[in-house]
Amino acid sequence: MLTAKQQRFVEEYLACLNGTQAAIRAGYSPKTARAIASENLKKPEIAAAVTRGNEARRKRSQTDARRVLEGLRRIAFSNVQAIFDKDRAIKHPSEWSQAAWDGIKSIRYSEKLAPGPGGKKMRVISRAAIRKNDSLKALDLLGEHLGLFQAPAQQQQRAEFVILDKHGHPVPRPENQ
């Protein structure tokens, strides 16, 4: 069971993740706050309360590694080309697919009506300024997470090539190589 001061320490720690500041805000002496924070965080009941608080925060925010990776994947593999119609004219934003929106960082879009054939009004785009999300950065972060990039010392010294047949299947290498 935590004391009132310990509970306050846990609440303050969860708010700022700084043990010394949490101890001071919980009412401990500023002179001993650093040592008290270190001691408190080593106490099993306080550590368990911090763990429960972090878990509750994660659940409230519904943020986990899976969602972050999914967001990066959507940016990395977005299809901004989907904002154009078959005539290469930009579509109205309400017609864009989710895959197109995933690749867009910001947009300024305006349109005006102008006379068309036979005096009828037709839609004419007057301005579309689009900034794309950084898909290379998203790919870099995904590759790093998956361990695809190794430090030069960890890379293989010899490149290995795989020969594929016309169906895309690997061709066995001769035993003497």
C-alpha atoms as a PDB file:
ATOM      1  CA  MET A   1       0.000   0.000   0.000  1.00  0.00           C
ATOM      2  CA  LEU A   2       1.396   3.392  -1.014  1.00  0.00           C
ATOM      3  CA  THR A   3       1.434   6.377   1.277  1.00  0.00           C
ATOM      4  CA  ALA A   4      -0.243   9.570   0.064  1.00  0.00           C
ATOM      5  CA  LYS A   5       3.175  11.085  -0.692  1.00  0.00           C
ATOM      6  CA  GLN A   6       4.275   7.994  -2.625  1.00  0.00           C
ATOM      7  CA  GLN A   7       1.036   8.006  -4.628  1.00  0.00           C
ATOM      8  CA  ARG A   8       1.582  11.664  -5.461  1.00  0.00           C
ATOM      9  CA  PHE A   9       5.147  10.822  -6.499  1.00  0.00           C
ATOM     10  CA  VAL A  10       3.825   8.138  -8.879  1.00  0.00           C
ATOM     11  CA  GLU A  11       1.285  10.567 -10.390  1.00  0.00           C
ATOM     12  CA  GLU A  12       3.903  13.268 -10.857  1.00  0.00           C
ATOM     13  CA  TYR A  13       6.412  10.798 -12.271  1.00  0.00           C
ATOM     14  CA  LEU A  14       3.885   9.552 -14.829  1.00  0.00           C
ATOM     15  CA  ALA A  15       3.219  13.151 -15.846  1.00  0.00           C
ATOM     16  CA  CYS A  16       6.847  14.181 -16.451  1.00  0.00           C
ATOM     17  CA  LEU A  17       8.972  10.973 -16.338  1.00  0.00           C
ATOM     18  CA  ASN A  18      11.555  12.908 -14.312  1.00  0.00           C
ATOM     19  CA  GLY A  19      12.114  11.350 -10.887  1.00  0.00           C
ATOM     20  CA  THR A  20      13.730  14.388  -9.274  1.00  0.00           C
ATOM     21  CA  GLN A  21      10.994  16.767 -10.421  1.00  0.00           C
ATOM     22  CA  ALA A  22       8.303  14.270  -9.446  1.00  0.00           C
ATOM     23  CA  ALA A  23       9.784  13.994  -5.942  1.00  0.00           C
ATOM     24  CA  ILE A  24       9.871  17.786  -5.535  1.00  0.00           C
ATOM     25  CA  ARG A  25       6.265  18.160  -6.768  1.00  0.00           C
ATOM     26  CA  ALA A  26       5.185  15.345  -4.455  1.00  0.00           C
ATOM     27  CA  GLY A  27       6.513  17.297  -1.470  1.00  0.00           C
ATOM     28  CA  TYR A  28       9.965  15.861  -0.889  1.00  0.00           C
ATOM     29  CA  SER A  29      12.881  18.210  -0.120  1.00  0.00           C
ATOM     30  CA  PRO A  30      14.600  19.578  -3.231  1.00  0.00           C
ATOM     31  CA  LYS A  31      17.955  18.786  -1.578  1.00  0.00           C
ATOM     32  CA  THR A  32      17.180  15.066  -1.315  1.00  0.00           C
ATOM     33  CA  ALA A  33      14.745  14.749  -4.235  1.00  0.00           C
ATOM     34  CA  ARG A  34      17.178  12.965  -6.551  1.00  0.00           C
ATOM     35  CA  ALA A  35      18.083  10.307  -3.972  1.00  0.00           C
ATOM     36  CA  ILE A  36      14.434   9.889  -2.892  1.00  0.00           C
ATOM     37  CA  ALA A  37      13.366   9.484  -6.516  1.00  0.00           C
ATOM     38  CA  SER A  38      15.989   6.796  -7.067  1.00  0.00           C
ATOM     39  CA  GLU A  39      14.927   4.978  -3.904  1.00  0.00           C
ATOM     40  CA  ASN A  40      11.226   5.275  -4.715  1.00  0.00           C
ATOM     41  CA  LEU A  41      11.607   3.905  -8.227  1.00  0.00           C
ATOM     42  CA  LYS A  42      13.412   0.839  -6.825  1.00  0.00           C
ATOM     43  CA  LYS A  43      10.600   0.020  -4.381  1.00  0.00           C
ATOM     44  CA  PRO A  44       8.521  -2.837  -5.823  1.00  0.00           C
ATOM     45  CA  GLU A  45       5.130  -1.330  -4.943  1.00  0.00           C
ATOM     46  CA  ILE A  46       6.052   2.052  -6.498  1.00  0.00           C
ATOM     47  CA  ALA A  47       7.584   0.404  -9.584  1.00  0.00           C
ATOM     48  CA  ALA A  48       4.402  -1.662  -9.979  1.00  0.00           C
ATOM     49  CA  ALA A  49       2.249   1.475  -9.686  1.00  0.00           C
ATOM     50  CA  VAL A  50       4.359   3.217 -12.355  1.00  0.00           C
ATOM     51  CA  THR A  51       4.038   0.160 -14.605  1.00  0.00           C
ATOM     52  CA  ARG A  52       0.244   0.098 -14.134  1.00  0.00           C
ATOM     53  CA  GLY A  53       0.074   3.824 -14.877  1.00  0.00           C
ATOM     54  CA  ASN A  54       2.120   3.461 -18.057  1.00  0.00           C
ATOM     55  CA  GLU A  55      -0.068   0.550 -19.187  1.00  0.00           C
ATOM     56  CA  ALA A  56      -3.226   2.549 -18.519  1.00  0.00           C
ATOM     57  CA  ARG A  57      -1.841   5.509 -20.490  1.00  0.00           C
ATOM     58  CA  ARG A  58      -0.936   3.232 -23.392  1.00  0.00           C
ATOM     59  CA  LYS A  59      -4.447   1.767 -23.420  1.00  0.00           C
ATOM     60  CA  ARG A  60      -6.030   5.225 -23.257  1.00  0.00           C
ATOM     61  CA  SER A  61      -3.990   6.469 -26.178  1.00  0.00           C
ATOM     62  CA  GLN A  62      -4.382   3.150 -28.022  1.00  0.00           C
ATOM     63  CA  THR A  63      -0.850   3.583 -29.263  1.00  0.00           C
ATOM     64  CA  ASP A  64       1.310   0.564 -29.686  1.00  0.00           C
ATOM     65  CA  ALA A  65       4.108  -0.537 -31.962  1.00  0.00           C
ATOM     66  CA  ARG A  66       1.689  -2.240 -34.364  1.00  0.00           C
ATOM     67  CA  ARG A  67      -0.224   0.991 -35.008  1.00  0.00           C
ATOM     68  CA  VAL A  68       2.948   3.043 -35.425  1.00  0.00           C
ATOM     69  CA  LEU A  69       4.363   0.533 -37.901  1.00  0.00           C
ATOM     70  CA  GLU A  70       1.058   0.434 -39.789  1.00  0.00           C
ATOM     71  CA  GLY A  71       1.132   4.239 -40.088  1.00  0.00           C
ATOM     72  CA  LEU A  72       4.682   4.160 -41.404  1.00  0.00           C
ATOM     73  CA  ARG A  73       3.727   1.407 -43.862  1.00  0.00           C
ATOM     74  CA  ARG A  74       0.800   3.442 -45.160  1.00  0.00           C
ATOM     75  CA  ILE A  75       3.024   6.489 -45.745  1.00  0.00           C
ATOM     76  CA  ALA A  76       5.842   4.462 -47.294  1.00  0.00           C
ATOM     77  CA  PHE A  77       3.562   2.682 -49.768  1.00  0.00           C
ATOM     78  CA  SER A  78       1.048   5.445 -50.445  1.00  0.00           C
ATOM     79  CA  ASN A  79      -0.158   6.071 -53.989  1.00  0.00           C
ATOM     80  CA  VAL A  80      -0.327   9.787 -54.633  1.00  0.00           C
ATOM     81  CA  GLN A  81      -0.878   9.088 -58.339  1.00  0.00           C
ATOM     82  CA  ALA A  82      -4.465   8.208 -57.411  1.00  0.00           C
ATOM     83  CA  ILE A  83      -5.320  11.922 -57.203  1.00  0.00           C
ATOM     84  CA  PHE A  84      -5.301  12.144 -60.990  1.00  0.00           C
ATOM     85  CA  ASP A  85      -7.995  10.964 -63.397  1.00  0.00           C
ATOM     86  CA  LYS A  86      -7.368   9.089 -66.653  1.00  0.00           C
ATOM     87  CA  ASP A  87      -6.728  12.394 -68.468  1.00  0.00           C
ATOM     88  CA  ARG A  88      -4.053  13.330 -65.867  1.00  0.00           C
ATOM     89  CA  ALA A  89      -6.263  16.106 -64.461  1.00  0.00           C
ATOM     90  CA  ILE A  90      -6.412  16.380 -60.685  1.00  0.00           C
ATOM     91  CA  LYS A  91      -9.576  14.962 -59.145  1.00  0.00           C
ATOM     92  CA  HIS A  92     -11.609  16.719 -56.487  1.00  0.00           C
ATOM     93  CA  PRO A  93     -10.194  15.773 -53.032  1.00  0.00           C
ATOM     94  CA  SER A  94     -13.476  14.048 -52.110  1.00  0.00           C
ATOM     95  CA  GLU A  95     -12.691  11.524 -54.867  1.00  0.00           C
ATOM     96  CA  TRP A  96      -9.191  10.634 -53.644  1.00  0.00           C
ATOM     97  CA  SER A  97      -8.540   7.165 -52.275  1.00  0.00           C
ATOM     98  CA  GLN A  98      -7.246   6.565 -48.746  1.00  0.00           C
ATOM     99  CA  ALA A  99      -3.943   5.401 -50.273  1.00  0.00           C
ATOM    100  CA  ALA A 100      -3.590   8.848 -51.885  1.00  0.00           C
ATOM    101  CA  TRP A 101      -4.400  10.677 -48.649  1.00  0.00           C
ATOM    102  CA  ASP A 102      -1.822   8.587 -46.759  1.00  0.00           C
ATOM    103  CA  GLY A 103       0.901  10.105 -48.929  1.00  0.00           C
ATOM    104  CA  ILE A 104      -0.145  13.734 -48.512  1.00  0.00           C
ATOM    105  CA  LYS A 105       1.345  15.933 -45.840  1.00  0.00           C
ATOM    106  CA  SER A 106      -0.541  19.108 -46.702  1.00  0.00           C
ATOM    107  CA  ILE A 107      -2.743  20.494 -49.452  1.00  0.00           C
ATOM    108  CA  ARG A 108      -4.103  23.814 -50.616  1.00  0.00           C
ATOM    109  CA  TYR A 109      -6.881  23.276 -53.085  1.00  0.00           C
ATOM    110  CA  SER A 110      -9.234  25.752 -54.696  1.00  0.00           C
ATOM    111  CA  GLU A 111     -11.462  25.673 -57.715  1.00  0.00           C
ATOM    112  CA  LYS A 112     -13.663  28.043 -59.635  1.00  0.00           C
ATOM    113  CA  LEU A 113     -16.478  27.658 -62.108  1.00  0.00           C
ATOM    114  CA  ALA A 114     -15.914  28.936 -65.607  1.00  0.00           C
ATOM    115  CA  PRO A 115     -18.014  28.900 -68.761  1.00  0.00           C
ATOM    116  CA  GLY A 116     -17.738  25.707 -70.726  1.00  0.00           C
ATOM    117  CA  PRO A 117     -19.018  24.525 -74.089  1.00  0.00           C
ATOM    118  CA  GLY A 118     -22.466  25.891 -74.895  1.00  0.00           C
ATOM    119  CA  GLY A 119     -22.306  28.419 -72.059  1.00  0.00           C
ATOM    120  CA  LYS A 120     -22.715  25.750 -69.354  1.00  0.00           C
ATOM    121  CA  LYS A 121     -20.717  26.099 -66.159  1.00  0.00           C
ATOM    122  CA  MET A 122     -17.959  23.564 -65.637  1.00  0.00           C
ATOM    123  CA  ARG A 123     -15.489  22.933 -62.837  1.00  0.00           C
ATOM    124  CA  VAL A 124     -12.017  24.342 -63.381  1.00  0.00           C
ATOM    125  CA  ILE A 125      -9.229  23.865 -60.890  1.00  0.00           C
ATOM    126  CA  SER A 126      -7.500  27.131 -60.226  1.00  0.00           C
ATOM    127  CA  ARG A 127      -4.923  25.992 -57.681  1.00  0.00           C
ATOM    128  CA  ALA A 128      -3.653  22.741 -56.158  1.00  0.00           C
ATOM    129  CA  ALA A 129      -0.486  22.808 -54.059  1.00  0.00           C
ATOM    130  CA  ILE A 130       0.343  19.443 -52.517  1.00  0.00           C
ATOM    131  CA  ARG A 131       3.196  18.502 -50.194  1.00  0.00           C
ATOM    132  CA  LYS A 132       3.903  14.774 -50.098  1.00  0.00           C
ATOM    133  CA  ASN A 133       4.807  12.858 -46.942  1.00  0.00           C
ATOM    134  CA  ASP A 134       8.413  11.683 -46.800  1.00  0.00           C
ATOM    135  CA  SER A 135       8.014   8.083 -47.955  1.00  0.00           C
ATOM    136  CA  LEU A 136      11.795   7.547 -47.989  1.00  0.00           C
ATOM    137  CA  LYS A 137      11.948   8.453 -44.295  1.00  0.00           C
ATOM    138  CA  ALA A 138       9.073   6.062 -43.570  1.00  0.00           C
ATOM    139  CA  LEU A 139      10.847   3.296 -45.516  1.00  0.00           C
ATOM    140  CA  ASP A 140      14.077   4.034 -43.651  1.00  0.00           C
ATOM    141  CA  LEU A 141      12.335   3.762 -40.270  1.00  0.00           C
ATOM    142  CA  LEU A 142      10.601   0.530 -41.293  1.00  0.00           C
ATOM    143  CA  GLY A 143      13.843  -0.958 -42.606  1.00  0.00           C
ATOM    144  CA  GLU A 144      15.664   0.008 -39.434  1.00  0.00           C
ATOM    145  CA  HIS A 145      12.914  -1.579 -37.317  1.00  0.00           C
ATOM    146  CA  LEU A 146      13.094  -4.784 -39.350  1.00  0.00           C
ATOM    147  CA  GLY A 147      16.897  -4.889 -39.064  1.00  0.00           C
ATOM    148  CA  LEU A 148      17.418  -4.589 -42.800  1.00  0.00           C
ATOM    149  CA  PHE A 149      20.308  -2.164 -42.447  1.00  0.00           C
ATOM    150  CA  GLN A 150      23.464  -3.434 -40.797  1.00  0.00           C
ATOM    151  CA  ALA A 151      26.603  -1.565 -39.853  1.00  0.00           C
ATOM    152  CA  PRO A 152      29.422  -2.104 -42.414  1.00  0.00           C
ATOM    153  CA  ALA A 153      31.352  -4.351 -39.988  1.00  0.00           C
ATOM    154  CA  GLN A 154      28.322  -6.637 -39.717  1.00  0.00           C
ATOM    155  CA  GLN A 155      27.714  -6.926 -43.436  1.00  0.00           C
ATOM    156  CA  GLN A 156      28.855  -9.995 -45.296  1.00  0.00           C
ATOM    157  CA  GLN A 157      32.289  -9.684 -46.864  1.00  0.00           C
ATOM    158  CA  ARG A 158      31.287 -11.501 -50.031  1.00  0.00           C
ATOM    159  CA  ALA A 159      28.282 -10.673 -52.153  1.00  0.00           C
ATOM    160  CA  GLU A 160      26.110 -13.624 -53.018  1.00  0.00           C
ATOM    161  CA  PHE A 161      24.021 -13.700 -56.150  1.00  0.00           C
ATOM    162  CA  VAL A 162      21.046 -15.888 -56.836  1.00  0.00           C
ATOM    163  CA  ILE A 163      20.284 -16.835 -60.414  1.00  0.00           C
ATOM    164  CA  LEU A 164      16.594 -17.239 -61.205  1.00  0.00           C
ATOM    165  CA  ASP A 165      15.079 -19.325 -63.963  1.00  0.00           C
ATOM    166  CA  LYS A 166      12.393 -17.949 -66.297  1.00  0.00           C
ATOM    167  CA  HIS A 167       9.727 -18.730 -63.680  1.00  0.00           C
ATOM    168  CA  GLY A 168      11.525 -16.793 -60.950  1.00  0.00           C
ATOM    169  CA  HIS A 169      12.768 -19.876 -59.080  1.00  0.00           C
ATOM    170  CA  PRO A 170      16.383 -20.027 -57.798  1.00  0.00           C
ATOM    171  CA  VAL A 171      18.739 -22.123 -59.908  1.00  0.00           C
ATOM    172  CA  PRO A 172      20.875 -24.488 -57.749  1.00  0.00           C
ATOM    173  CA  ARG A 173      24.523 -23.500 -57.559  1.00  0.00           C
ATOM    174  CA  PRO A 174      27.221 -25.989 -58.575  1.00  0.00           C
ATOM    175  CA  GLU A 175      28.797 -27.697 -55.550  1.00  0.00           C
ATOM    176  CA  ASN A 176      32.357 -26.584 -56.390  1.00  0.00           C
ATOM    177  CA  GLN A 177      31.610 -22.877 -55.773  1.00  0.00           C
END
